[in-house]
Amino acid sequence: AMLSGQMWNKIRNPNLLGKTQNEITWIHVSRKRQFVLETYFVLFMYGFVVFGMLLVIEAAESGNRKVTRRQIIAFIGVVLILIFFWL
């Protein structure tokens, strides 16, 4: 929660979304500011990366399951880590 900017939102009290001339935006154009919705998006991205790591760890530690099931769980975990870390 601290990495995503929740404390910054608590202190600065930013807007939920922003408006440009023609559209509504949820990512601020400046690096020094951010919207609340952008913070939640980053928070969920970190959450999915952690969930992917937990899946990989669980697949490695569960020796009594079938190998194909462990491989599928590990593959899903690695895919989650790659996609959400890339974002």
PDB file of N, CA and C in Angstrom:
ATOM      1  N   ALA A   1       0.826  -1.190   0.000  1.00  0.00           N
ATOM      2  CA  ALA A   1       0.000   0.000   0.000  1.00  0.00           C
ATOM      3  C   ALA A   1       0.876   1.261   0.000  1.00  0.00           C
ATOM      4  N   MET A   2       1.993   1.197   0.693  1.00  0.00           N
ATOM      5  CA  MET A   2       2.855   2.382   0.731  1.00  0.00           C
ATOM      6  C   MET A   2       3.563   2.586  -0.603  1.00  0.00           C
ATOM      7  N   LEU A   3       3.930   1.504  -1.295  1.00  0.00           N
ATOM      8  CA  LEU A   3       4.600   1.639  -2.581  1.00  0.00           C
ATOM      9  C   LEU A   3       3.683   2.185  -3.657  1.00  0.00           C
ATOM     10  N   SER A   4       2.401   1.910  -3.554  1.00  0.00           N
ATOM     11  CA  SER A   4       1.475   2.353  -4.587  1.00  0.00           C
ATOM     12  C   SER A   4       1.112   3.818  -4.443  1.00  0.00           C
ATOM     13  N   GLY A   5       1.334   4.417  -3.310  1.00  0.00           N
ATOM     14  CA  GLY A   5       1.064   5.834  -3.134  1.00  0.00           C
ATOM     15  C   GLY A   5      -0.124   6.142  -2.245  1.00  0.00           C
ATOM     16  N   GLN A   6      -0.556   5.193  -1.436  1.00  0.00           N
ATOM     17  CA  GLN A   6      -1.713   5.434  -0.581  1.00  0.00           C
ATOM     18  C   GLN A   6      -1.453   6.555   0.428  1.00  0.00           C
ATOM     19  N   MET A   7      -0.259   6.620   0.973  1.00  0.00           N
ATOM     20  CA  MET A   7       0.047   7.679   1.939  1.00  0.00           C
ATOM     21  C   MET A   7       0.083   9.035   1.248  1.00  0.00           C
ATOM     22  N   TRP A   8       0.580   9.071   0.019  1.00  0.00           N
ATOM     23  CA  TRP A   8       0.579  10.320  -0.749  1.00  0.00           C
ATOM     24  C   TRP A   8      -0.855  10.804  -0.934  1.00  0.00           C
ATOM     25  N   ASN A   9      -1.774   9.877  -1.230  1.00  0.00           N
ATOM     26  CA  ASN A   9      -3.176  10.246  -1.387  1.00  0.00           C
ATOM     27  C   ASN A   9      -3.768  10.753  -0.081  1.00  0.00           C
ATOM     28  N   LYS A  10      -3.372  10.163   1.023  1.00  0.00           N
ATOM     29  CA  LYS A  10      -3.876  10.590   2.321  1.00  0.00           C
ATOM     30  C   LYS A  10      -3.421  12.012   2.639  1.00  0.00           C
ATOM     31  N   ILE A  11      -2.169  12.327   2.305  1.00  0.00           N
ATOM     32  CA  ILE A  11      -1.615  13.641   2.626  1.00  0.00           C
ATOM     33  C   ILE A  11      -2.109  14.709   1.655  1.00  0.00           C
ATOM     34  N   ARG A  12      -2.072  14.441   0.359  1.00  0.00           N
ATOM     35  CA  ARG A  12      -2.353  15.465  -0.660  1.00  0.00           C
ATOM     36  C   ARG A  12      -3.821  15.568  -1.068  1.00  0.00           C
ATOM     37  N   ASN A  13      -4.603  14.517  -0.824  1.00  0.00           N
ATOM     38  CA  ASN A  13      -6.018  14.505  -1.158  1.00  0.00           C
ATOM     39  C   ASN A  13      -6.277  14.843  -2.634  1.00  0.00           C
ATOM     40  N   PRO A  14      -5.765  14.016  -3.577  1.00  0.00           N
ATOM     41  CA  PRO A  14      -5.927  14.304  -5.003  1.00  0.00           C
ATOM     42  C   PRO A  14      -7.320  13.919  -5.516  1.00  0.00           C
ATOM     43  N   ASN A  15      -7.586  14.258  -6.756  1.00  0.00           N
ATOM     44  CA  ASN A  15      -8.852  13.906  -7.395  1.00  0.00           C
ATOM     45  C   ASN A  15      -8.861  12.431  -7.754  1.00  0.00           C
ATOM     46  N   LEU A  16     -10.077  11.886  -7.925  1.00  0.00           N
ATOM     47  CA  LEU A  16     -10.200  10.498  -8.342  1.00  0.00           C
ATOM     48  C   LEU A  16      -9.790  10.335  -9.795  1.00  0.00           C
ATOM     49  N   LEU A  17     -10.257  11.194 -10.669  1.00  0.00           N
ATOM     50  CA  LEU A  17      -9.955  11.190 -12.097  1.00  0.00           C
ATOM     51  C   LEU A  17      -9.615  12.606 -12.534  1.00  0.00           C
ATOM     52  N   GLY A  18      -9.079  12.726 -13.734  1.00  0.00           N
ATOM     53  CA  GLY A  18      -8.788  14.037 -14.293  1.00  0.00           C
ATOM     54  C   GLY A  18      -9.548  14.251 -15.587  1.00  0.00           C
ATOM     55  N   LYS A  19      -9.737  15.496 -15.936  1.00  0.00           N
ATOM     56  CA  LYS A  19     -10.415  15.843 -17.190  1.00  0.00           C
ATOM     57  C   LYS A  19      -9.456  16.593 -18.097  1.00  0.00           C
ATOM     58  N   THR A  20      -9.453  16.208 -19.364  1.00  0.00           N
ATOM     59  CA  THR A  20      -8.770  16.999 -20.378  1.00  0.00           C
ATOM     60  C   THR A  20      -9.859  17.680 -21.197  1.00  0.00           C
ATOM     61  N   GLN A  21      -9.506  18.242 -22.309  1.00  0.00           N
ATOM     62  CA  GLN A  21     -10.493  18.960 -23.098  1.00  0.00           C
ATOM     63  C   GLN A  21     -11.568  18.033 -23.664  1.00  0.00           C
ATOM     64  N   ASN A  22     -11.176  16.828 -24.075  1.00  0.00           N
ATOM     65  CA  ASN A  22     -12.124  15.945 -24.746  1.00  0.00           C
ATOM     66  C   ASN A  22     -12.418  14.646 -24.012  1.00  0.00           C
ATOM     67  N   GLU A  23     -11.676  14.315 -22.992  1.00  0.00           N
ATOM     68  CA  GLU A  23     -11.848  13.005 -22.376  1.00  0.00           C
ATOM     69  C   GLU A  23     -11.519  13.045 -20.897  1.00  0.00           C
ATOM     70  N   ILE A  24     -11.863  11.933 -20.242  1.00  0.00           N
ATOM     71  CA  ILE A  24     -11.526  11.738 -18.832  1.00  0.00           C
ATOM     72  C   ILE A  24     -10.315  10.821 -18.772  1.00  0.00           C
ATOM     73  N   THR A  25      -9.348  11.156 -17.936  1.00  0.00           N
ATOM     74  CA  THR A  25      -8.123  10.373 -17.834  1.00  0.00           C
ATOM     75  C   THR A  25      -7.910   9.924 -16.388  1.00  0.00           C
ATOM     76  N   TRP A  26      -7.286   8.765 -16.222  1.00  0.00           N
ATOM     77  CA  TRP A  26      -7.019   8.270 -14.885  1.00  0.00           C
ATOM     78  C   TRP A  26      -5.527   8.204 -14.591  1.00  0.00           C
ATOM     79  N   ILE A  27      -4.688   8.569 -15.566  1.00  0.00           N
ATOM     80  CA  ILE A  27      -3.240   8.682 -15.350  1.00  0.00           C
ATOM     81  C   ILE A  27      -2.854  10.141 -15.558  1.00  0.00           C
ATOM     82  N   HIS A  28      -2.205  10.727 -14.577  1.00  0.00           N
ATOM     83  CA  HIS A  28      -1.829  12.137 -14.643  1.00  0.00           C
ATOM     84  C   HIS A  28      -0.653  12.311 -15.603  1.00  0.00           C
ATOM     85  N   VAL A  29      -0.641  13.429 -16.309  1.00  0.00           N
ATOM     86  CA  VAL A  29       0.422  13.673 -17.286  1.00  0.00           C
ATOM     87  C   VAL A  29       1.738  14.039 -16.611  1.00  0.00           C
ATOM     88  N   SER A  30       1.693  14.563 -15.412  1.00  0.00           N
ATOM     89  CA  SER A  30       2.901  14.969 -14.693  1.00  0.00           C
ATOM     90  C   SER A  30       3.441  13.800 -13.873  1.00  0.00           C
ATOM     91  N   ARG A  31       4.742  13.753 -13.705  1.00  0.00           N
ATOM     92  CA  ARG A  31       5.340  12.722 -12.861  1.00  0.00           C
ATOM     93  C   ARG A  31       5.193  13.039 -11.384  1.00  0.00           C
ATOM     94  N   LYS A  32       4.952  14.287 -11.052  1.00  0.00           N
ATOM     95  CA  LYS A  32       4.891  14.700  -9.657  1.00  0.00           C
ATOM     96  C   LYS A  32       3.496  14.576  -9.056  1.00  0.00           C
ATOM     97  N   ARG A  33       2.519  14.232  -9.849  1.00  0.00           N
ATOM     98  CA  ARG A  33       1.135  14.107  -9.378  1.00  0.00           C
ATOM     99  C   ARG A  33       0.578  12.763  -9.805  1.00  0.00           C
ATOM    100  N   GLN A  34      -0.466  12.339  -9.143  1.00  0.00           N
ATOM    101  CA  GLN A  34      -1.171  11.138  -9.563  1.00  0.00           C
ATOM    102  C   GLN A  34      -2.599  11.209  -9.046  1.00  0.00           C
ATOM    103  N   PHE A  35      -3.465  10.465  -9.719  1.00  0.00           N
ATOM    104  CA  PHE A  35      -4.859  10.400  -9.320  1.00  0.00           C
ATOM    105  C   PHE A  35      -5.074   9.197  -8.417  1.00  0.00           C
ATOM    106  N   VAL A  36      -6.181   9.183  -7.704  1.00  0.00           N
ATOM    107  CA  VAL A  36      -6.478   8.085  -6.784  1.00  0.00           C
ATOM    108  C   VAL A  36      -6.659   6.773  -7.551  1.00  0.00           C
ATOM    109  N   LEU A  37      -7.327   6.820  -8.689  1.00  0.00           N
ATOM    110  CA  LEU A  37      -7.548   5.595  -9.467  1.00  0.00           C
ATOM    111  C   LEU A  37      -6.238   5.003  -9.972  1.00  0.00           C
ATOM    112  N   GLU A  38      -5.283   5.853 -10.295  1.00  0.00           N
ATOM    113  CA  GLU A  38      -3.950   5.371 -10.706  1.00  0.00           C
ATOM    114  C   GLU A  38      -3.264   4.646  -9.556  1.00  0.00           C
ATOM    115  N   THR A  39      -3.439   5.147  -8.352  1.00  0.00           N
ATOM    116  CA  THR A  39      -2.859   4.514  -7.172  1.00  0.00           C
ATOM    117  C   THR A  39      -3.449   3.128  -6.952  1.00  0.00           C
ATOM    118  N   TYR A  40      -4.760   3.005  -7.106  1.00  0.00           N
ATOM    119  CA  TYR A  40      -5.393   1.698  -6.943  1.00  0.00           C
ATOM    120  C   TYR A  40      -4.928   0.724  -8.014  1.00  0.00           C
ATOM    121  N   PHE A  41      -4.730   1.192  -9.230  1.00  0.00           N
ATOM    122  CA  PHE A  41      -4.240   0.334 -10.298  1.00  0.00           C
ATOM    123  C   PHE A  41      -2.852  -0.211  -9.961  1.00  0.00           C
ATOM    124  N   VAL A  42      -1.974   0.642  -9.463  1.00  0.00           N
ATOM    125  CA  VAL A  42      -0.624   0.205  -9.077  1.00  0.00           C
ATOM    126  C   VAL A  42      -0.696  -0.773  -7.907  1.00  0.00           C
ATOM    127  N   LEU A  43      -1.581  -0.517  -6.964  1.00  0.00           N
ATOM    128  CA  LEU A  43      -1.755  -1.409  -5.826  1.00  0.00           C
ATOM    129  C   LEU A  43      -2.179  -2.803  -6.286  1.00  0.00           C
ATOM    130  N   PHE A  44      -3.136  -2.884  -7.205  1.00  0.00           N
ATOM    131  CA  PHE A  44      -3.574  -4.181  -7.712  1.00  0.00           C
ATOM    132  C   PHE A  44      -2.490  -4.864  -8.552  1.00  0.00           C
ATOM    133  N   MET A  45      -1.692  -4.088  -9.281  1.00  0.00           N
ATOM    134  CA  MET A  45      -0.583  -4.693 -10.029  1.00  0.00           C
ATOM    135  C   MET A  45       0.407  -5.364  -9.082  1.00  0.00           C
ATOM    136  N   TYR A  46       0.784  -4.675  -8.012  1.00  0.00           N
ATOM    137  CA  TYR A  46       1.681  -5.283  -7.028  1.00  0.00           C
ATOM    138  C   TYR A  46       1.037  -6.514  -6.398  1.00  0.00           C
ATOM    139  N   GLY A  47      -0.255  -6.466  -6.158  1.00  0.00           N
ATOM    140  CA  GLY A  47      -0.960  -7.612  -5.591  1.00  0.00           C
ATOM    141  C   GLY A  47      -0.911  -8.824  -6.499  1.00  0.00           C
ATOM    142  N   PHE A  48      -1.097  -8.622  -7.813  1.00  0.00           N
ATOM    143  CA  PHE A  48      -1.042  -9.744  -8.746  1.00  0.00           C
ATOM    144  C   PHE A  48       0.376 -10.296  -8.884  1.00  0.00           C
ATOM    145  N   VAL A  49       1.386  -9.446  -8.782  1.00  0.00           N
ATOM    146  CA  VAL A  49       2.771  -9.935  -8.806  1.00  0.00           C
ATOM    147  C   VAL A  49       3.027 -10.819  -7.585  1.00  0.00           C
ATOM    148  N   VAL A  50       2.570 -10.389  -6.423  1.00  0.00           N
ATOM    149  CA  VAL A  50       2.751 -11.184  -5.205  1.00  0.00           C
ATOM    150  C   VAL A  50       1.971 -12.493  -5.302  1.00  0.00           C
ATOM    151  N   PHE A  51       0.742 -12.447  -5.851  1.00  0.00           N
ATOM    152  CA  PHE A  51      -0.049 -13.658  -6.008  1.00  0.00           C
ATOM    153  C   PHE A  51       0.642 -14.640  -6.955  1.00  0.00           C
ATOM    154  N   GLY A  52       1.249 -14.134  -8.017  1.00  0.00           N
ATOM    155  CA  GLY A  52       2.001 -14.992  -8.927  1.00  0.00           C
ATOM    156  C   GLY A  52       3.190 -15.634  -8.241  1.00  0.00           C
ATOM    157  N   MET A  53       3.887 -14.868  -7.396  1.00  0.00           N
ATOM    158  CA  MET A  53       5.012 -15.435  -6.649  1.00  0.00           C
ATOM    159  C   MET A  53       4.548 -16.514  -5.684  1.00  0.00           C
ATOM    160  N   LEU A  54       3.402 -16.292  -5.040  1.00  0.00           N
ATOM    161  CA  LEU A  54       2.871 -17.295  -4.129  1.00  0.00           C
ATOM    162  C   LEU A  54       2.491 -18.572  -4.871  1.00  0.00           C
ATOM    163  N   LEU A  55       1.948 -18.444  -6.079  1.00  0.00           N
ATOM    164  CA  LEU A  55       1.622 -19.627  -6.868  1.00  0.00           C
ATOM    165  C   LEU A  55       2.877 -20.418  -7.236  1.00  0.00           C
ATOM    166  N   VAL A  56       3.929 -19.715  -7.614  1.00  0.00           N
ATOM    167  CA  VAL A  56       5.179 -20.398  -7.968  1.00  0.00           C
ATOM    168  C   VAL A  56       5.775 -21.098  -6.743  1.00  0.00           C
ATOM    169  N   ILE A  57       5.741 -20.442  -5.607  1.00  0.00           N
ATOM    170  CA  ILE A  57       6.262 -21.052  -4.378  1.00  0.00           C
ATOM    171  C   ILE A  57       5.428 -22.260  -3.986  1.00  0.00           C
ATOM    172  N   GLU A  58       4.105 -22.132  -4.092  1.00  0.00           N
ATOM    173  CA  GLU A  58       3.228 -23.247  -3.758  1.00  0.00           C
ATOM    174  C   GLU A  58       3.451 -24.432  -4.690  1.00  0.00           C
ATOM    175  N   ALA A  59       3.661 -24.164  -5.957  1.00  0.00           N
ATOM    176  CA  ALA A  59       3.917 -25.250  -6.909  1.00  0.00           C
ATOM    177  C   ALA A  59       5.240 -25.944  -6.609  1.00  0.00           C
ATOM    178  N   ALA A  60       6.223 -25.198  -6.162  1.00  0.00           N
ATOM    179  CA  ALA A  60       7.530 -25.789  -5.866  1.00  0.00           C
ATOM    180  C   ALA A  60       7.509 -26.608  -4.579  1.00  0.00           C
ATOM    181  N   GLU A  61       6.691 -26.177  -3.607  1.00  0.00           N
ATOM    182  CA  GLU A  61       6.691 -26.852  -2.305  1.00  0.00           C
ATOM    183  C   GLU A  61       5.720 -28.026  -2.228  1.00  0.00           C
ATOM    184  N   SER A  62       4.761 -28.118  -3.134  1.00  0.00           N
ATOM    185  CA  SER A  62       3.770 -29.200  -3.051  1.00  0.00           C
ATOM    186  C   SER A  62       4.272 -30.415  -3.826  1.00  0.00           C
ATOM    187  N   GLY A  63       4.984 -31.266  -3.160  1.00  0.00           N
ATOM    188  CA  GLY A  63       5.572 -32.429  -3.798  1.00  0.00           C
ATOM    189  C   GLY A  63       4.615 -33.592  -3.965  1.00  0.00           C
ATOM    190  N   ASN A  64       3.480 -33.580  -3.255  1.00  0.00           N
ATOM    191  CA  ASN A  64       2.576 -34.713  -3.319  1.00  0.00           C
ATOM    192  C   ASN A  64       1.553 -34.597  -4.453  1.00  0.00           C
ATOM    193  N   ARG A  65       1.468 -33.482  -5.134  1.00  0.00           N
ATOM    194  CA  ARG A  65       0.542 -33.325  -6.253  1.00  0.00           C
ATOM    195  C   ARG A  65       1.152 -33.877  -7.529  1.00  0.00           C
ATOM    196  N   LYS A  66       0.300 -34.039  -8.531  1.00  0.00           N
ATOM    197  CA  LYS A  66       0.792 -34.495  -9.826  1.00  0.00           C
ATOM    198  C   LYS A  66       1.699 -33.437 -10.446  1.00  0.00           C
ATOM    199  N   VAL A  67       2.627 -33.904 -11.249  1.00  0.00           N
ATOM    200  CA  VAL A  67       3.596 -33.007 -11.865  1.00  0.00           C
ATOM    201  C   VAL A  67       2.911 -32.040 -12.822  1.00  0.00           C
ATOM    202  N   THR A  68       1.936 -32.512 -13.586  1.00  0.00           N
ATOM    203  CA  THR A  68       1.275 -31.619 -14.556  1.00  0.00           C
ATOM    204  C   THR A  68       0.506 -30.517 -13.852  1.00  0.00           C
ATOM    205  N   ARG A  69      -0.141 -30.831 -12.739  1.00  0.00           N
ATOM    206  CA  ARG A  69      -0.862 -29.795 -11.991  1.00  0.00           C
ATOM    207  C   ARG A  69       0.108 -28.755 -11.422  1.00  0.00           C
ATOM    208  N   ARG A  70       1.238 -29.230 -10.901  1.00  0.00           N
ATOM    209  CA  ARG A  70       2.252 -28.295 -10.390  1.00  0.00           C
ATOM    210  C   ARG A  70       2.802 -27.427 -11.506  1.00  0.00           C
ATOM    211  N   GLN A  71       3.012 -28.008 -12.690  1.00  0.00           N
ATOM    212  CA  GLN A  71       3.519 -27.233 -13.816  1.00  0.00           C
ATOM    213  C   GLN A  71       2.516 -26.171 -14.252  1.00  0.00           C
ATOM    214  N   ILE A  72       1.241 -26.506 -14.241  1.00  0.00           N
ATOM    215  CA  ILE A  72       0.212 -25.534 -14.627  1.00  0.00           C
ATOM    216  C   ILE A  72       0.156 -24.395 -13.622  1.00  0.00           C
ATOM    217  N   ILE A  73       0.200 -24.720 -12.334  1.00  0.00           N
ATOM    218  CA  ILE A  73       0.179 -23.684 -11.301  1.00  0.00           C
ATOM    219  C   ILE A  73       1.421 -22.800 -11.412  1.00  0.00           C
ATOM    220  N   ALA A  74       2.569 -23.399 -11.630  1.00  0.00           N
ATOM    221  CA  ALA A  74       3.804 -22.622 -11.774  1.00  0.00           C
ATOM    222  C   ALA A  74       3.756 -21.751 -13.022  1.00  0.00           C
ATOM    223  N   PHE A  75       3.224 -22.286 -14.114  1.00  0.00           N
ATOM    224  CA  PHE A  75       3.118 -21.512 -15.354  1.00  0.00           C
ATOM    225  C   PHE A  75       2.193 -20.313 -15.175  1.00  0.00           C
ATOM    226  N   ILE A  76       1.048 -20.510 -14.538  1.00  0.00           N
ATOM    227  CA  ILE A  76       0.132 -19.389 -14.283  1.00  0.00           C
ATOM    228  C   ILE A  76       0.806 -18.340 -13.403  1.00  0.00           C
ATOM    229  N   GLY A  77       1.540 -18.787 -12.396  1.00  0.00           N
ATOM    230  CA  GLY A  77       2.247 -17.846 -11.524  1.00  0.00           C
ATOM    231  C   GLY A  77       3.289 -17.044 -12.268  1.00  0.00           C
ATOM    232  N   VAL A  78       4.060 -17.698 -13.124  1.00  0.00           N
ATOM    233  CA  VAL A  78       5.093 -16.994 -13.892  1.00  0.00           C
ATOM    234  C   VAL A  78       4.461 -16.008 -14.876  1.00  0.00           C
ATOM    235  N   VAL A  79       3.356 -16.411 -15.496  1.00  0.00           N
ATOM    236  CA  VAL A  79       2.669 -15.513 -16.431  1.00  0.00           C
ATOM    237  C   VAL A  79       2.142 -14.280 -15.697  1.00  0.00           C
ATOM    238  N   LEU A  80       1.557 -14.474 -14.518  1.00  0.00           N
ATOM    239  CA  LEU A  80       1.086 -13.324 -13.738  1.00  0.00           C
ATOM    240  C   LEU A  80       2.240 -12.394 -13.374  1.00  0.00           C
ATOM    241  N   ILE A  81       3.339 -12.965 -12.945  1.00  0.00           N
ATOM    242  CA  ILE A  81       4.499 -12.143 -12.584  1.00  0.00           C
ATOM    243  C   ILE A  81       4.988 -11.355 -13.798  1.00  0.00           C
ATOM    244  N   LEU A  82       5.132 -12.022 -14.927  1.00  0.00           N
ATOM    245  CA  LEU A  82       5.653 -11.348 -16.121  1.00  0.00           C
ATOM    246  C   LEU A  82       4.725 -10.243 -16.610  1.00  0.00           C
ATOM    247  N   ILE A  83       3.446 -10.522 -16.687  1.00  0.00           N
ATOM    248  CA  ILE A  83       2.507  -9.525 -17.214  1.00  0.00           C
ATOM    249  C   ILE A  83       2.421  -8.309 -16.303  1.00  0.00           C
ATOM    250  N   PHE A  84       2.208  -8.542 -15.013  1.00  0.00           N
ATOM    251  CA  PHE A  84       1.979  -7.401 -14.122  1.00  0.00           C
ATOM    252  C   PHE A  84       3.263  -6.695 -13.726  1.00  0.00           C
ATOM    253  N   PHE A  85       4.401  -7.371 -13.764  1.00  0.00           N
ATOM    254  CA  PHE A  85       5.669  -6.671 -13.548  1.00  0.00           C
ATOM    255  C   PHE A  85       6.006  -5.829 -14.768  1.00  0.00           C
ATOM    256  N   TRP A  86       5.655  -6.321 -15.944  1.00  0.00           N
ATOM    257  CA  TRP A  86       5.886  -5.565 -17.178  1.00  0.00           C
ATOM    258  C   TRP A  86       5.042  -4.298 -17.216  1.00  0.00           C
ATOM    259  N   LEU A  87       3.789  -4.400 -16.742  1.00  0.00           N
ATOM    260  CA  LEU A  87       2.925  -3.215 -16.732  1.00  0.00           C
ATOM    261  C   LEU A  87       3.485  -2.145 -15.829  1.00  0.00           C
TER     262      LEU A  87
END
